[in-house]
Structures are given as structure tokens and as C-alpha cells.
Amino acid sequence: MARPLPTRKQSVDLGSGEVRVSRIRRDPPPPEKPKELRHPDVVNRSAVIIGVLVFAVALIVILFAFTIFSGYDMTPRQVVLHV
């Protein structure tokens, strides 16, 4: 049979009754920063407003492009938009 490989580590005597204490010192985790609580309605309102504005701008651009290119012989430089 093969002989066990030699190790350089010391063997641990578990029957000695000696209690070994870890010598590793760890710092406690840093305290958590308090988070600002916002009401969900405030977040939803701003998301809805941004969504509606983006959708309205997209519809205006599509409508404007459709009216320009729907059979008129005008270029976009000839169109004057009065707001």
C-alpha cells in the first residue's frame, strides 16, 4: 500500500480540552445611512407627467411629418410653423 503524503502542518489534538479562540479581529459593519422616504404617489406623478409629455411630443412630430410628406410638393424649409 501507499504511504500517506507527508504534510508540514501540525496535527490538532482535539482531546486536550483546550478552547481555542479566533484571533481575527473584525470591525463592525458601518451603520446604514438613513434613506429619504418618498411617498409613492410623488414618484408616480412625475413618471406619468414625463410619459404623457414624451407621448404628446412624439404624436406631434408624427403628425407634422405626415402633413408635410402627404402629397404636398413642399420641402420642410418652406413650411412655417406658427406657435
Protein backbone atom coordinates (compact mmCIF):
# COMPACT_ATOMS: atom_id res chain seq x y z
CA MET A 1 0.00 0.00 0.00
CA ALA A 2 0.98 3.57 -0.49
CA ARG A 3 2.22 5.57 2.39
CA PRO A 4 0.37 8.85 3.25
CA LEU A 5 1.86 12.03 1.88
CA PRO A 6 3.84 13.98 4.44
CA THR A 7 2.33 17.31 5.48
CA ARG A 8 4.15 20.19 7.09
CA LYS A 9 1.15 21.28 9.17
CA GLN A 10 0.94 20.36 12.81
CA SER A 11 -1.78 17.96 13.76
CA VAL A 12 -4.52 19.23 16.05
CA ASP A 13 -5.09 17.45 19.34
CA LEU A 14 -8.86 17.52 19.85
CA GLY A 15 -8.74 15.66 23.15
CA SER A 16 -6.75 18.24 25.09
CA GLY A 17 -9.84 20.20 26.23
CA GLU A 18 -8.19 23.50 25.42
CA VAL A 19 -10.60 26.06 23.96
CA ARG A 20 -9.10 27.91 21.05
CA VAL A 21 -10.36 31.43 20.40
CA SER A 22 -10.17 33.07 17.00
CA ARG A 23 -7.52 35.77 16.89
CA ILE A 24 -9.04 37.53 13.90
CA ARG A 25 -10.44 40.94 14.82
CA ARG A 26 -13.13 42.33 12.58
CA ASP A 27 -14.55 45.81 12.55
CA PRO A 28 -18.32 46.01 12.90
CA PRO A 29 -20.16 46.97 9.70
CA PRO A 30 -20.70 50.72 9.27
CA PRO A 31 -24.13 51.99 10.27
CA GLU A 32 -26.61 52.33 7.43
CA LYS A 33 -27.30 55.83 6.19
CA PRO A 34 -30.91 56.86 6.68
CA LYS A 35 -32.80 56.80 3.41
CA GLU A 36 -35.17 59.53 2.44
CA LEU A 37 -38.65 58.10 2.24
CA ARG A 38 -40.73 59.42 -0.63
CA HIS A 39 -44.40 58.83 -0.99
CA PRO A 40 -45.18 56.52 -3.95
CA ASP A 41 -47.70 58.99 -5.36
CA VAL A 42 -44.96 61.61 -5.83
CA VAL A 43 -42.84 59.16 -7.81
CA ASN A 44 -45.81 58.01 -9.88
CA ARG A 45 -46.90 61.57 -10.65
CA SER A 46 -43.56 62.56 -12.09
CA ALA A 47 -43.35 59.35 -14.14
CA VAL A 48 -46.84 59.91 -15.54
CA ILE A 49 -46.13 63.55 -16.41
CA ILE A 50 -42.90 62.64 -18.21
CA GLY A 51 -44.60 59.79 -20.06
CA VAL A 52 -47.52 61.93 -21.22
CA LEU A 53 -45.22 64.72 -22.42
CA VAL A 54 -42.98 62.33 -24.35
CA PHE A 55 -46.01 60.67 -25.94
CA ALA A 56 -47.53 64.05 -26.90
CA VAL A 57 -44.28 65.26 -28.46
CA ALA A 58 -43.97 62.00 -30.42
CA LEU A 59 -47.54 62.36 -31.74
CA ILE A 60 -46.93 65.97 -32.75
CA VAL A 61 -43.75 65.04 -34.61
CA ILE A 62 -45.51 62.17 -36.41
CA LEU A 63 -48.49 64.38 -37.31
CA PHE A 64 -46.22 67.17 -38.53
CA ALA A 65 -44.15 64.75 -40.63
CA PHE A 66 -47.30 63.17 -42.09
CA THR A 67 -48.78 66.51 -43.12
CA ILE A 68 -45.54 67.63 -44.75
CA PHE A 69 -44.99 64.45 -46.77
CA SER A 70 -48.61 63.60 -47.61
CA GLY A 71 -48.70 64.89 -51.15
CA TYR A 72 -47.52 68.46 -50.84
CA ASP A 73 -44.64 69.48 -53.06
CA MET A 74 -43.07 71.48 -50.29
CA THR A 75 -39.83 70.91 -48.55
CA PRO A 76 -39.62 71.21 -44.76
CA ARG A 77 -37.78 74.54 -45.21
CA GLN A 78 -40.85 76.03 -46.93
CA VAL A 79 -43.15 75.14 -44.04
CA VAL A 80 -43.58 77.84 -41.41
CA LEU A 81 -44.86 76.78 -38.02
CA HIS A 82 -46.70 79.48 -36.06
CA VAL A 83 -47.00 78.69 -32.38
